[in-house]
C-alpha atoms as a PDB file:
ATOM      1  CA  UNK A   1       7.870  14.470 -10.427  1.00  0.00           C
ATOM      2  CA  UNK A   2      10.746  13.526 -12.677  1.00  0.00           C
ATOM      3  CA  UNK A   3      10.495  16.587 -14.939  1.00  0.00           C
ATOM      4  CA  UNK A   4       8.648  17.629 -18.086  1.00  0.00           C
ATOM      5  CA  UNK A   5       4.968  18.333 -18.545  1.00  0.00           C
ATOM      6  CA  UNK A   6       3.916  14.723 -18.086  1.00  0.00           C
ATOM      7  CA  UNK A   7       5.425  11.472 -16.913  1.00  0.00           C
ATOM      8  CA  UNK A   8       3.960   8.046 -16.268  1.00  0.00           C
ATOM      9  CA  UNK A   9       4.569   5.063 -14.032  1.00  0.00           C
ATOM     10  CA  UNK A  10       4.064   1.405 -14.835  1.00  0.00           C
ATOM     11  CA  UNK A  11       2.355  -0.159 -11.821  1.00  0.00           C
ATOM     12  CA  UNK A  12       1.511  -3.702 -10.821  1.00  0.00           C
ATOM     13  CA  UNK A  13      -0.470  -5.011  -7.856  1.00  0.00           C
ATOM     14  CA  UNK A  14       0.096  -8.735  -7.218  1.00  0.00           C
ATOM     15  CA  UNK A  15      -2.935 -10.134  -5.375  1.00  0.00           C
ATOM     16  CA  UNK A  16      -1.331 -13.057  -3.547  1.00  0.00           C
ATOM     17  CA  UNK A  17      -2.717 -15.539  -1.020  1.00  0.00           C
ATOM     18  CA  UNK A  18      -0.257 -15.655   1.915  1.00  0.00           C
ATOM     19  CA  UNK A  19      -0.389 -18.715   4.167  1.00  0.00           C
ATOM     20  CA  UNK A  20      -0.107 -18.480   7.946  1.00  0.00           C
ATOM     21  CA  UNK A  21       2.880 -20.482   9.163  1.00  0.00           C
ATOM     22  CA  UNK A  22       4.415 -20.820   5.694  1.00  0.00           C
ATOM     23  CA  UNK A  23       7.010 -18.069   5.974  1.00  0.00           C
ATOM     24  CA  UNK A  24       9.366 -19.705   3.486  1.00  0.00           C
ATOM     25  CA  UNK A  25       6.596 -20.260   0.940  1.00  0.00           C
ATOM     26  CA  UNK A  26       5.302 -16.712   1.321  1.00  0.00           C
ATOM     27  CA  UNK A  27       8.827 -15.361   0.836  1.00  0.00           C
ATOM     28  CA  UNK A  28       9.331 -17.514  -2.245  1.00  0.00           C
ATOM     29  CA  UNK A  29       6.104 -16.213  -3.812  1.00  0.00           C
ATOM     30  CA  UNK A  30       7.070 -12.612  -3.087  1.00  0.00           C
ATOM     31  CA  UNK A  31      10.546 -13.121  -4.517  1.00  0.00           C
ATOM     32  CA  UNK A  32       9.094 -14.562  -7.725  1.00  0.00           C
ATOM     33  CA  UNK A  33       6.872 -11.499  -8.107  1.00  0.00           C
ATOM     34  CA  UNK A  34       9.839  -9.160  -7.633  1.00  0.00           C
ATOM     35  CA  UNK A  35      11.914 -11.032 -10.209  1.00  0.00           C
ATOM     36  CA  UNK A  36       9.036 -11.035 -12.685  1.00  0.00           C
ATOM     37  CA  UNK A  37       8.391  -7.319 -12.177  1.00  0.00           C
ATOM     38  CA  UNK A  38      12.042  -6.493 -12.844  1.00  0.00           C
ATOM     39  CA  UNK A  39      12.064  -8.646 -15.984  1.00  0.00           C
ATOM     40  CA  UNK A  40       8.885  -7.001 -17.297  1.00  0.00           C
ATOM     41  CA  UNK A  41       9.896  -3.389 -16.671  1.00  0.00           C
ATOM     42  CA  UNK A  42       7.464  -2.645 -13.836  1.00  0.00           C
ATOM     43  CA  UNK A  43       8.307   0.528 -11.906  1.00  0.00           C
ATOM     44  CA  UNK A  44       6.046   0.076  -8.849  1.00  0.00           C
ATOM     45  CA  UNK A  45       5.090  -3.331  -7.444  1.00  0.00           C
ATOM     46  CA  UNK A  46       2.586  -3.390  -4.573  1.00  0.00           C
ATOM     47  CA  UNK A  47       1.918  -6.572  -2.570  1.00  0.00           C
ATOM     48  CA  UNK A  48      -0.754  -7.268   0.065  1.00  0.00           C
ATOM     49  CA  UNK A  49      -0.891  -6.303   3.719  1.00  0.00           C
ATOM     50  CA  UNK A  50       1.037  -8.803   5.887  1.00  0.00           C
ATOM     51  CA  UNK A  51       2.196 -10.563   2.725  1.00  0.00           C
ATOM     52  CA  UNK A  52       5.075 -12.285   4.509  1.00  0.00           C
ATOM     53  CA  UNK A  53       2.971 -13.806   7.287  1.00  0.00           C
ATOM     54  CA  UNK A  54      -0.747 -14.001   6.556  1.00  0.00           C
ATOM     55  CA  UNK A  55      -3.337 -11.879   8.319  1.00  0.00           C
ATOM     56  CA  UNK A  56      -5.466 -13.692  10.930  1.00  0.00           C
ATOM     57  CA  UNK A  57      -2.568 -14.244  13.302  1.00  0.00           C
ATOM     58  CA  UNK A  58      -2.558 -15.042  16.984  1.00  0.00           C
ATOM     59  CA  UNK A  59      -0.173 -13.015  19.118  1.00  0.00           C
ATOM     60  CA  UNK A  60       2.218 -15.967  19.274  1.00  0.00           C
ATOM     61  CA  UNK A  61       2.114 -16.474  15.501  1.00  0.00           C
ATOM     62  CA  UNK A  62       2.725 -12.773  14.886  1.00  0.00           C
ATOM     63  CA  UNK A  63       5.760 -12.777  17.164  1.00  0.00           C
ATOM     64  CA  UNK A  64       7.142 -15.857  15.424  1.00  0.00           C
ATOM     65  CA  UNK A  65       6.667 -14.279  11.985  1.00  0.00           C
ATOM     66  CA  UNK A  66       7.973 -10.828  12.912  1.00  0.00           C
ATOM     67  CA  UNK A  67      11.032  -9.446  11.149  1.00  0.00           C
ATOM     68  CA  UNK A  68      12.974  -6.197  11.389  1.00  0.00           C
ATOM     69  CA  UNK A  69      13.478  -3.943   8.360  1.00  0.00           C
ATOM     70  CA  UNK A  70      17.175  -4.842   8.240  1.00  0.00           C
ATOM     71  CA  UNK A  71      16.415  -8.572   7.961  1.00  0.00           C
ATOM     72  CA  UNK A  72      18.620 -10.407   5.461  1.00  0.00           C
ATOM     73  CA  UNK A  73      15.555 -11.448   3.452  1.00  0.00           C
ATOM     74  CA  UNK A  74      14.592  -7.819   2.825  1.00  0.00           C
ATOM     75  CA  UNK A  75      18.188  -6.946   1.982  1.00  0.00           C
ATOM     76  CA  UNK A  76      18.190  -9.727  -0.607  1.00  0.00           C
ATOM     77  CA  UNK A  77      15.001  -8.400  -2.167  1.00  0.00           C
ATOM     78  CA  UNK A  78      16.407  -4.867  -2.208  1.00  0.00           C
ATOM     79  CA  UNK A  79      19.357  -6.216  -4.170  1.00  0.00           C
ATOM     80  CA  UNK A  80      16.998  -7.536  -6.861  1.00  0.00           C
ATOM     81  CA  UNK A  81      15.373  -4.206  -7.770  1.00  0.00           C
ATOM     82  CA  UNK A  82      17.590  -3.075 -10.604  1.00  0.00           C
ATOM     83  CA  UNK A  83      17.566   0.652 -11.375  1.00  0.00           C
ATOM     84  CA  UNK A  84      13.844   1.445 -11.527  1.00  0.00           C
ATOM     85  CA  UNK A  85      11.653  -0.956  -9.546  1.00  0.00           C
ATOM     86  CA  UNK A  86      10.164   0.160  -6.213  1.00  0.00           C
ATOM     87  CA  UNK A  87       8.395  -2.467  -4.093  1.00  0.00           C
ATOM     88  CA  UNK A  88       5.865  -1.908  -1.293  1.00  0.00           C
ATOM     89  CA  UNK A  89       4.831  -4.949   0.746  1.00  0.00           C
ATOM     90  CA  UNK A  90       3.134  -5.651   4.031  1.00  0.00           C
ATOM     91  CA  UNK A  91       5.027  -7.458   6.778  1.00  0.00           C
ATOM     92  CA  UNK A  92       4.826  -8.254  10.456  1.00  0.00           C
ATOM     93  CA  UNK A  93       7.454  -6.022  12.065  1.00  0.00           C
ATOM     94  CA  UNK A  94       9.323  -6.895  15.232  1.00  0.00           C
ATOM     95  CA  UNK A  95       9.644  -4.170  17.817  1.00  0.00           C
ATOM     96  CA  UNK A  96      13.002  -2.812  18.867  1.00  0.00           C
ATOM     97  CA  UNK A  97      13.260  -4.439  22.293  1.00  0.00           C
ATOM     98  CA  UNK A  98      16.710  -5.778  23.194  1.00  0.00           C
ATOM     99  CA  UNK A  99      17.197  -9.526  23.262  1.00  0.00           C
ATOM    100  CA  UNK A 100      15.909 -12.392  21.155  1.00  0.00           C
ATOM    101  CA  UNK A 101      12.272 -12.553  22.250  1.00  0.00           C
ATOM    102  CA  UNK A 102       9.850 -10.302  20.342  1.00  0.00           C
ATOM    103  CA  UNK A 103       7.379  -8.548  22.657  1.00  0.00           C
ATOM    104  CA  UNK A 104       5.935  -5.855  20.381  1.00  0.00           C
ATOM    105  CA  UNK A 105       4.754  -6.378  16.812  1.00  0.00           C
ATOM    106  CA  UNK A 106       3.512  -3.905  14.223  1.00  0.00           C
ATOM    107  CA  UNK A 107       1.401  -4.287  11.104  1.00  0.00           C
ATOM    108  CA  UNK A 108       3.873  -2.574   8.785  1.00  0.00           C
ATOM    109  CA  UNK A 109       4.696  -1.791   5.188  1.00  0.00           C
ATOM    110  CA  UNK A 110       8.214  -1.929   3.797  1.00  0.00           C
ATOM    111  CA  UNK A 111       9.271   0.352   0.941  1.00  0.00           C
ATOM    112  CA  UNK A 112      12.202  -0.922  -1.108  1.00  0.00           C
ATOM    113  CA  UNK A 113      13.607   1.664  -3.526  1.00  0.00           C
ATOM    114  CA  UNK A 114      16.750   1.319  -5.669  1.00  0.00           C
ATOM    115  CA  UNK A 115      19.886   2.651  -4.021  1.00  0.00           C
ATOM    116  CA  UNK A 116      18.328   3.630  -0.691  1.00  0.00           C
ATOM    117  CA  UNK A 117      17.827   1.984   2.692  1.00  0.00           C
ATOM    118  CA  UNK A 118      14.471   0.242   3.277  1.00  0.00           C
ATOM    119  CA  UNK A 119      11.781   2.439   4.842  1.00  0.00           C
ATOM    120  CA  UNK A 120       9.225   0.908   7.219  1.00  0.00           C
ATOM    121  CA  UNK A 121       5.827   2.386   8.049  1.00  0.00           C
ATOM    122  CA  UNK A 122       3.806   1.127  11.024  1.00  0.00           C
ATOM    123  CA  UNK A 123       0.046   1.151  10.470  1.00  0.00           C
ATOM    124  CA  UNK A 124      -1.626   3.926  12.454  1.00  0.00           C
ATOM    125  CA  UNK A 125      -5.250   2.774  12.298  1.00  0.00           C
ATOM    126  CA  UNK A 126      -5.746  -0.826  13.421  1.00  0.00           C
ATOM    127  CA  UNK A 127      -8.859  -2.720  12.326  1.00  0.00           C
ATOM    128  CA  UNK A 128     -10.909  -4.866  14.719  1.00  0.00           C
ATOM    129  CA  UNK A 129      -8.902  -7.851  16.043  1.00  0.00           C
ATOM    130  CA  UNK A 130      -5.629  -6.287  14.870  1.00  0.00           C
ATOM    131  CA  UNK A 131      -5.875  -4.310  18.110  1.00  0.00           C
ATOM    132  CA  UNK A 132      -5.448  -7.573  20.036  1.00  0.00           C
ATOM    133  CA  UNK A 133      -2.182  -8.432  18.293  1.00  0.00           C
ATOM    134  CA  UNK A 134      -0.456  -5.315  16.997  1.00  0.00           C
ATOM    135  CA  UNK A 135       0.702  -2.008  18.455  1.00  0.00           C
ATOM    136  CA  UNK A 136      -0.292   1.055  16.399  1.00  0.00           C
ATOM    137  CA  UNK A 137       2.441   3.140  14.842  1.00  0.00           C
ATOM    138  CA  UNK A 138       3.441   6.506  16.280  1.00  0.00           C
ATOM    139  CA  UNK A 139       4.931   8.239  13.215  1.00  0.00           C
ATOM    140  CA  UNK A 140       3.249   9.781  10.150  1.00  0.00           C
ATOM    141  CA  UNK A 141       2.967   7.737   6.991  1.00  0.00           C
ATOM    142  CA  UNK A 142       6.007   8.393   4.790  1.00  0.00           C
ATOM    143  CA  UNK A 143       6.458  10.032   1.419  1.00  0.00           C
ATOM    144  CA  UNK A 144       9.639   8.739  -0.215  1.00  0.00           C
ATOM    145  CA  UNK A 145      11.393   9.755  -3.411  1.00  0.00           C
ATOM    146  CA  UNK A 146      11.508   7.105  -6.114  1.00  0.00           C
ATOM    147  CA  UNK A 147      12.661   7.072  -9.741  1.00  0.00           C
ATOM    148  CA  UNK A 148       9.100   7.956 -10.832  1.00  0.00           C
ATOM    149  CA  UNK A 149       8.334  10.632  -8.220  1.00  0.00           C
ATOM    150  CA  UNK A 150       6.967  10.972  -4.697  1.00  0.00           C
ATOM    151  CA  UNK A 151       5.472   7.784  -3.228  1.00  0.00           C
ATOM    152  CA  UNK A 152       3.158   7.846  -0.229  1.00  0.00           C
ATOM    153  CA  UNK A 153       2.222   4.694   1.668  1.00  0.00           C
ATOM    154  CA  UNK A 154      -0.626   3.749   3.949  1.00  0.00           C
ATOM    155  CA  UNK A 155      -2.146   0.391   4.930  1.00  0.00           C
ATOM    156  CA  UNK A 156      -5.736  -0.829   4.463  1.00  0.00           C
ATOM    157  CA  UNK A 157      -7.953   0.844   7.120  1.00  0.00           C
ATOM    158  CA  UNK A 158      -5.679   3.921   7.026  1.00  0.00           C
ATOM    159  CA  UNK A 159      -7.213   4.811   3.655  1.00  0.00           C
ATOM    160  CA  UNK A 160     -10.688   5.119   5.190  1.00  0.00           C
ATOM    161  CA  UNK A 161      -9.582   8.282   6.984  1.00  0.00           C
ATOM    162  CA  UNK A 162      -9.667  11.005   4.289  1.00  0.00           C
ATOM    163  CA  UNK A 163      -6.950  12.943   6.088  1.00  0.00           C
ATOM    164  CA  UNK A 164      -4.436  10.203   5.262  1.00  0.00           C
ATOM    165  CA  UNK A 165      -4.366  10.310   1.444  1.00  0.00           C
ATOM    166  CA  UNK A 166      -4.891  14.078   1.479  1.00  0.00           C
ATOM    167  CA  UNK A 167      -1.919  14.656   3.772  1.00  0.00           C
ATOM    168  CA  UNK A 168       0.294  12.363   1.677  1.00  0.00           C
ATOM    169  CA  UNK A 169      -0.644  14.266  -1.489  1.00  0.00           C
ATOM    170  CA  UNK A 170      -0.037  17.636   0.175  1.00  0.00           C
ATOM    171  CA  UNK A 171       3.398  16.401   1.255  1.00  0.00           C
ATOM    172  CA  UNK A 172       4.390  15.564  -2.300  1.00  0.00           C
ATOM    173  CA  UNK A 173       3.038  12.106  -3.110  1.00  0.00           C
ATOM    174  CA  UNK A 174       2.362  11.564  -6.815  1.00  0.00           C
ATOM    175  CA  UNK A 175       1.308   7.961  -6.134  1.00  0.00           C
ATOM    176  CA  UNK A 176      -0.030   6.265  -2.988  1.00  0.00           C
ATOM    177  CA  UNK A 177       0.582   2.540  -2.479  1.00  0.00           C
ATOM    178  CA  UNK A 178      -1.889   0.729  -0.230  1.00  0.00           C
ATOM    179  CA  UNK A 179      -1.139  -2.851   0.837  1.00  0.00           C
ATOM    180  CA  UNK A 180      -4.456  -4.147   2.123  1.00  0.00           C
ATOM    181  CA  UNK A 181      -6.524  -7.120   3.265  1.00  0.00           C
ATOM    182  CA  UNK A 182     -10.172  -6.133   2.763  1.00  0.00           C
ATOM    183  CA  UNK A 183     -12.634  -8.530   4.428  1.00  0.00           C
ATOM    184  CA  UNK A 184     -15.565  -9.150   2.098  1.00  0.00           C
ATOM    185  CA  UNK A 185     -18.533  -6.885   2.917  1.00  0.00           C
ATOM    186  CA  UNK A 186     -22.016  -6.978   1.457  1.00  0.00           C
ATOM    187  CA  UNK A 187     -22.646  -4.359  -1.213  1.00  0.00           C
ATOM    188  CA  UNK A 188     -25.275  -3.883  -3.911  1.00  0.00           C
ATOM    189  CA  UNK A 189     -24.924  -5.944  -7.059  1.00  0.00           C
ATOM    190  CA  UNK A 190     -22.967  -4.148  -9.741  1.00  0.00           C
ATOM    191  CA  UNK A 191     -21.337  -1.732  -7.301  1.00  0.00           C
ATOM    192  CA  UNK A 192     -17.700  -1.572  -6.315  1.00  0.00           C
ATOM    193  CA  UNK A 193     -16.749  -2.555  -2.788  1.00  0.00           C
ATOM    194  CA  UNK A 194     -16.901   0.486  -0.479  1.00  0.00           C
ATOM    195  CA  UNK A 195     -13.127   0.480   0.035  1.00  0.00           C
ATOM    196  CA  UNK A 196     -12.624   0.757  -3.732  1.00  0.00           C
ATOM    197  CA  UNK A 197     -15.057   3.682  -3.855  1.00  0.00           C
ATOM    198  CA  UNK A 198     -13.037   5.390  -1.123  1.00  0.00           C
ATOM    199  CA  UNK A 199      -9.829   4.896  -3.106  1.00  0.00           C
ATOM    200  CA  UNK A 200     -11.452   6.398  -6.202  1.00  0.00           C
ATOM    201  CA  UNK A 201     -12.717   9.405  -4.237  1.00  0.00           C
ATOM    202  CA  UNK A 202      -9.340   9.984  -2.578  1.00  0.00           C
ATOM    203  CA  UNK A 203      -7.530   9.847  -5.920  1.00  0.00           C
ATOM    204  CA  UNK A 204      -9.920  12.315  -7.527  1.00  0.00           C
ATOM    205  CA  UNK A 205      -9.941  14.684  -4.536  1.00  0.00           C
ATOM    206  CA  UNK A 206      -6.143  15.090  -4.527  1.00  0.00           C
ATOM    207  CA  UNK A 207      -5.111  14.326  -8.105  1.00  0.00           C
ATOM    208  CA  UNK A 208      -2.989  11.389  -6.964  1.00  0.00           C
ATOM    209  CA  UNK A 209      -2.775   7.845  -8.351  1.00  0.00           C
ATOM    210  CA  UNK A 210      -3.590   5.072  -5.856  1.00  0.00           C
ATOM    211  CA  UNK A 211      -2.563   1.413  -6.110  1.00  0.00           C
ATOM    212  CA  UNK A 212      -4.468  -0.839  -3.691  1.00  0.00           C
ATOM    213  CA  UNK A 213      -3.264  -4.441  -3.450  1.00  0.00           C
ATOM    214  CA  UNK A 214      -5.741  -6.765  -1.739  1.00  0.00           C
ATOM    215  CA  UNK A 215      -5.192 -10.463  -1.054  1.00  0.00           C
ATOM    216  CA  UNK A 216      -6.816 -13.584  -2.464  1.00  0.00           C
ATOM    217  CA  UNK A 217      -8.248 -16.749  -0.994  1.00  0.00           C
ATOM    218  CA  UNK A 218      -9.894 -17.429   2.354  1.00  0.00           C
ATOM    219  CA  UNK A 219      -8.163 -17.513   5.718  1.00  0.00           C
ATOM    220  CA  UNK A 220      -9.543 -18.906   8.967  1.00  0.00           C
ATOM    221  CA  UNK A 221     -13.115 -18.234   7.919  1.00  0.00           C
ATOM    222  CA  UNK A 222     -12.418 -14.772   6.514  1.00  0.00           C
ATOM    223  CA  UNK A 223     -13.366 -14.211   2.885  1.00  0.00           C
ATOM    224  CA  UNK A 224     -11.536 -11.396   1.145  1.00  0.00           C
ATOM    225  CA  UNK A 225     -12.909  -8.791  -1.212  1.00  0.00           C
ATOM    226  CA  UNK A 226     -10.139  -9.409  -3.763  1.00  0.00           C
ATOM    227  CA  UNK A 227     -10.630  -5.751  -4.622  1.00  0.00           C
ATOM    228  CA  UNK A 228      -7.155  -5.018  -5.968  1.00  0.00           C
ATOM    229  CA  UNK A 229      -7.283  -1.921  -8.166  1.00  0.00           C
ATOM    230  CA  UNK A 230      -5.115   0.778  -9.694  1.00  0.00           C
ATOM    231  CA  UNK A 231      -6.807   4.188  -9.774  1.00  0.00           C
ATOM    232  CA  UNK A 232      -5.639   7.064 -11.958  1.00  0.00           C
ATOM    233  CA  UNK A 233      -5.264  10.680 -10.880  1.00  0.00           C
ATOM    234  CA  UNK A 234      -8.748  11.353 -12.311  1.00  0.00           C
ATOM    235  CA  UNK A 235     -10.341   8.901  -9.879  1.00  0.00           C
ATOM    236  CA  UNK A 236     -11.214   6.247 -12.472  1.00  0.00           C
ATOM    237  CA  UNK A 237     -10.087   2.631 -12.185  1.00  0.00           C
ATOM    238  CA  UNK A 238      -7.394   1.786 -14.738  1.00  0.00           C
ATOM    239  CA  UNK A 239      -6.945  -1.886 -13.807  1.00  0.00           C
ATOM    240  CA  UNK A 240      -8.388  -4.541 -11.488  1.00  0.00           C
ATOM    241  CA  UNK A 241      -7.134  -8.011 -10.582  1.00  0.00           C
ATOM    242  CA  UNK A 242     -10.626  -9.484 -10.290  1.00  0.00           C
ATOM    243  CA  UNK A 243     -12.146 -11.868  -7.761  1.00  0.00           C
ATOM    244  CA  UNK A 244     -11.525 -15.315  -9.159  1.00  0.00           C
ATOM    245  CA  UNK A 245     -10.533 -16.843  -5.827  1.00  0.00           C
ATOM    246  CA  UNK A 246      -6.799 -17.093  -6.463  1.00  0.00           C
ATOM    247  CA  UNK A 247      -3.676 -15.041  -7.060  1.00  0.00           C
ATOM    248  CA  UNK A 248      -3.975 -12.438  -9.815  1.00  0.00           C
ATOM    249  CA  UNK A 249      -2.330  -9.263 -11.039  1.00  0.00           C
ATOM    250  CA  UNK A 250      -3.489  -5.785 -12.011  1.00  0.00           C
ATOM    251  CA  UNK A 251      -1.238  -3.838 -14.386  1.00  0.00           C
ATOM    252  CA  UNK A 252      -1.559  -0.259 -15.608  1.00  0.00           C
ATOM    253  CA  UNK A 253       0.633   2.539 -16.873  1.00  0.00           C
ATOM    254  CA  UNK A 254      -0.680   5.679 -15.206  1.00  0.00           C
ATOM    255  CA  UNK A 255      -0.005   9.179 -16.601  1.00  0.00           C
ATOM    256  CA  UNK A 256       1.090  11.768 -14.054  1.00  0.00           C
ATOM    257  CA  UNK A 257       0.430  15.077 -15.820  1.00  0.00           C
ATOM    258  CA  UNK A 258       2.133  18.041 -14.194  1.00  0.00           C
ATOM    259  CA  UNK A 259      -1.118  20.068 -14.132  1.00  0.00           C
ATOM    260  CA  UNK A 260      -3.413  17.364 -12.798  1.00  0.00           C
ATOM    261  CA  UNK A 261      -4.367  19.493  -9.774  1.00  0.00           C
ATOM    262  CA  UNK A 262      -5.572  22.373 -11.940  1.00  0.00           C
ATOM    263  CA  UNK A 263      -9.030  21.070 -12.781  1.00  0.00           C
ATOM    264  CA  UNK A 264     -10.280  24.140 -14.664  1.00  0.00           C
ATOM    265  CA  UNK A 265      -8.870  27.500 -15.695  1.00  0.00           C
ATOM    266  CA  UNK A 266      -9.978  28.870 -12.314  1.00  0.00           C
ATOM    267  CA  UNK A 267      -9.799  25.874  -9.987  1.00  0.00           C
ATOM    268  CA  UNK A 268      -6.935  24.070  -8.265  1.00  0.00           C
ATOM    269  CA  UNK A 269      -7.442  21.103  -5.919  1.00  0.00           C
ATOM    270  CA  UNK A 270      -4.968  22.440  -3.355  1.00  0.00           C
ATOM    271  CA  UNK A 271      -5.065  26.207  -3.840  1.00  0.00           C
ATOM    272  CA  UNK A 272      -8.874  26.274  -3.476  1.00  0.00           C
ATOM    273  CA  UNK A 273      -8.749  24.734  -0.013  1.00  0.00           C
ATOM    274  CA  UNK A 274      -9.900  26.967   2.872  1.00  0.00           C
ATOM    275  CA  UNK A 275      -8.442  25.228   5.941  1.00  0.00           C
ATOM    276  CA  UNK A 276      -8.941  28.232   8.222  1.00  0.00           C
ATOM    277  CA  UNK A 277     -12.678  27.626   7.901  1.00  0.00           C
ATOM    278  CA  UNK A 278     -12.574  23.895   8.600  1.00  0.00           C
ATOM    279  CA  UNK A 279     -13.224  22.347  11.974  1.00  0.00           C
ATOM    280  CA  UNK A 280      -9.971  22.489  13.989  1.00  0.00           C
ATOM    281  CA  UNK A 281     -10.578  18.897  15.082  1.00  0.00           C
ATOM    282  CA  UNK A 282      -9.452  17.850  11.592  1.00  0.00           C
ATOM    283  CA  UNK A 283      -5.873  18.674  12.609  1.00  0.00           C
ATOM    284  CA  UNK A 284      -6.128  18.248  16.374  1.00  0.00           C
END
């Protein structure tokens, strides 16, 4: 936290529609969103999973699209942030093998924060055909310090493991950014998509704000949920981008009260935990 009894953070999720093979066009769209966010005083901008490349990639396409965190494009974007904007975006990350040919690729998120080196996180939990293309990460999801407080990051399917958002909150995250591509699943009329429900539950369980940025459009026969949402520390949705079939934005200013984890005069979300009585497999 940045001090005082309460602070807030102005968040935006930009629900874009990346195009496979159009690396220059994808980069141009991302750059426009960064410039707009800076101009409009946004403090946290979240973009979709694999925003630089598109999602339904073949192995060859992923290798061609892969970039390292020190790529000149990312350095240029980092130079656009001003003093307060933090950006989290999904990208196809090249492994660290020597030479020009990329052999290993990761489904990664890049965190760009003013005045610090970019931080990359490699998705731990790969969904379905991702396992045919990407290598899972081997390091915990990060919590980084930003001008508005602690920022945790995970990617899409990661959020469906309750241990992920809980561990980020316990390690100091005030906000969790979740670049995602949620394939459209059937759900009862009038109900939120199940992934949105999970984000709401995770936010409420740990008193942490969660910004999930889905993607728009259709890609190689995959329809997307377009479930972009910003969830407050109370677990209620503060903003949604909607499912109109094209790019859209969700904007919300989320309060981060200092006492959000004290939920009654006698109850605290973290202090009331009894981990010694939980199944040891939860931390195995």
